[in-house]
Protein backbone atom coordinates (compact mmCIF):
# COMPACT_ATOMS: atom_id res chain seq x y z
CA MET A 1 96.06 335.31 -10.22
CA VAL A 2 94.32 338.90 -9.43
CA ARG A 3 92.00 338.82 -6.62
CA THR A 4 89.06 341.59 -7.09
CA MET A 5 86.67 342.20 -4.66
CA ARG A 6 83.08 342.65 -5.25
CA ILE A 7 82.39 345.97 -2.95
CA THR A 8 79.41 348.21 -4.09
CA PRO A 9 80.51 351.92 -3.53
CA ILE A 10 78.73 353.70 -0.77
CA ASP A 11 75.82 355.74 -1.87
CA PHE A 12 75.45 358.55 0.78
CA SER A 13 72.70 360.33 -0.89
CA GLN A 14 69.87 358.25 0.33
CA ASN A 15 69.88 356.46 4.00
CA LEU A 16 73.56 356.47 5.49
CA LEU A 17 73.41 353.32 7.26
CA LEU A 18 71.68 351.66 4.33
CA GLY A 19 74.16 352.82 2.07
CA ALA A 20 77.05 351.58 4.77
CA PHE A 21 75.61 348.15 5.12
CA LYS A 22 75.50 347.42 1.52
CA ASN A 23 79.13 347.22 1.71
CA PRO A 24 80.37 343.80 2.49
CA ILE A 25 83.11 344.99 4.98
CA ALA A 26 80.27 346.58 7.03
CA ARG A 27 78.04 343.71 6.92
CA VAL A 28 80.66 341.30 7.86
CA LEU A 29 81.69 343.55 10.97
CA GLU A 30 77.98 344.13 12.05
CA GLU A 31 77.56 340.58 12.14
CA ALA A 32 81.18 340.10 14.45
CA ARG A 33 79.18 342.70 16.64
CA MET A 34 76.44 341.10 16.94
CA GLY A 35 78.28 337.72 17.39
CA GLY A 36 80.51 339.32 20.36
CA ASN A 37 83.45 336.99 20.81
CA MET A 38 82.45 334.03 19.37
CA GLU A 39 84.60 332.46 16.63
CA GLN A 40 82.78 332.69 13.17
CA THR A 41 83.69 330.77 10.01
CA VAL A 42 83.50 331.83 6.49
CA SER A 43 80.12 329.82 5.94
CA MET A 44 78.30 331.38 9.17
CA LEU A 45 79.34 334.68 8.35
CA SER A 46 78.03 333.76 4.61
CA GLU A 47 74.62 332.59 5.75
CA ALA A 48 74.18 335.28 8.17
CA THR A 49 75.12 338.32 5.81
CA LYS A 50 73.43 336.69 2.83
CA LEU A 51 76.65 337.34 1.03
CA ASP A 52 78.09 334.69 -1.34
CA TYR A 53 81.18 332.82 0.26
CA PRO A 54 84.01 334.34 -1.99
CA THR A 55 82.86 337.96 -0.99
CA VAL A 56 83.10 337.06 2.64
CA GLU A 57 86.47 335.53 2.51
CA SER A 58 87.91 338.62 0.41
CA ALA A 59 86.29 340.98 3.04
CA LEU A 60 87.91 338.75 6.09
CA GLN A 61 91.52 338.87 4.32
CA ASP A 62 90.95 342.91 3.94
CA LEU A 63 89.59 342.77 7.82
CA THR A 64 92.55 340.22 8.63
CA LYS A 65 95.13 342.97 6.99
CA LEU A 66 93.69 345.80 8.99
CA GLY A 67 93.75 343.94 12.40
CA LEU A 68 90.23 343.47 12.99
CA ALA A 69 90.02 340.10 12.53
CA HIS A 70 92.50 336.82 13.05
CA PRO A 71 92.41 333.22 12.26
CA THR A 72 91.90 331.38 15.45
CA ARG A 73 91.52 327.45 14.76
CA LYS A 74 90.83 325.35 12.01
CA ILE A 75 87.62 323.04 12.57
CA GLY A 76 88.02 320.16 10.51
CA ASN A 77 88.88 322.09 7.10
CA VAL A 78 87.29 325.26 8.03
CA GLN A 79 89.40 327.88 9.37
CA ALA A 80 87.53 330.17 12.05
CA TYR A 81 88.02 333.71 12.82
CA LYS A 82 87.80 336.08 15.70
CA PHE A 83 87.39 339.75 15.65
CA ASN A 84 89.02 342.12 17.53
CA LEU A 85 86.60 344.89 18.19
CA GLU A 86 88.57 346.53 21.13
CA ASN A 87 90.87 348.54 18.40
CA GLY A 88 88.13 351.33 18.62
CA LEU A 89 85.78 349.59 16.58
CA ARG A 90 83.63 348.54 19.22
CA SER A 91 82.94 352.37 19.77
CA LEU A 92 82.13 353.15 16.26
CA LEU A 93 79.89 350.02 15.54
CA GLY A 94 78.21 350.78 19.01
CA ARG A 95 77.29 354.35 17.34
CA THR A 96 74.81 352.56 15.19
CA ASP A 97 72.86 351.28 17.78
CA GLN A 98 72.61 354.79 19.10
CA LEU A 99 71.56 356.18 15.29
CA GLN A 100 69.07 353.46 15.15
CA LEU A 101 67.42 354.07 18.53
CA GLY A 102 67.32 358.02 17.92
CA LYS A 103 65.49 357.15 14.64
CA ARG A 104 62.93 355.15 16.91
CA LYS A 105 61.87 357.86 19.31
């Protein structure tokens, strides 16, 4: 069975942040940043990002391969994940706050 990930190409011709956050992986990472060090499940991320379950599941698989997320424990039948934002990702995602604050001035 071949798995495909539903990722929309990022359109940088318009708003950079808007284009980036249409990408499912970016949306999952942004939710991870807001959640901090909390364990999150696919269902929690799906609800928070308004992405469907298979898309979030696929994004988590890719993030796990990159070392940015890792499965922690099972809660019933549900797998929980923790995000490793210390791999330089925290500073990258922190820049989104700076960009957003800069636009408000």
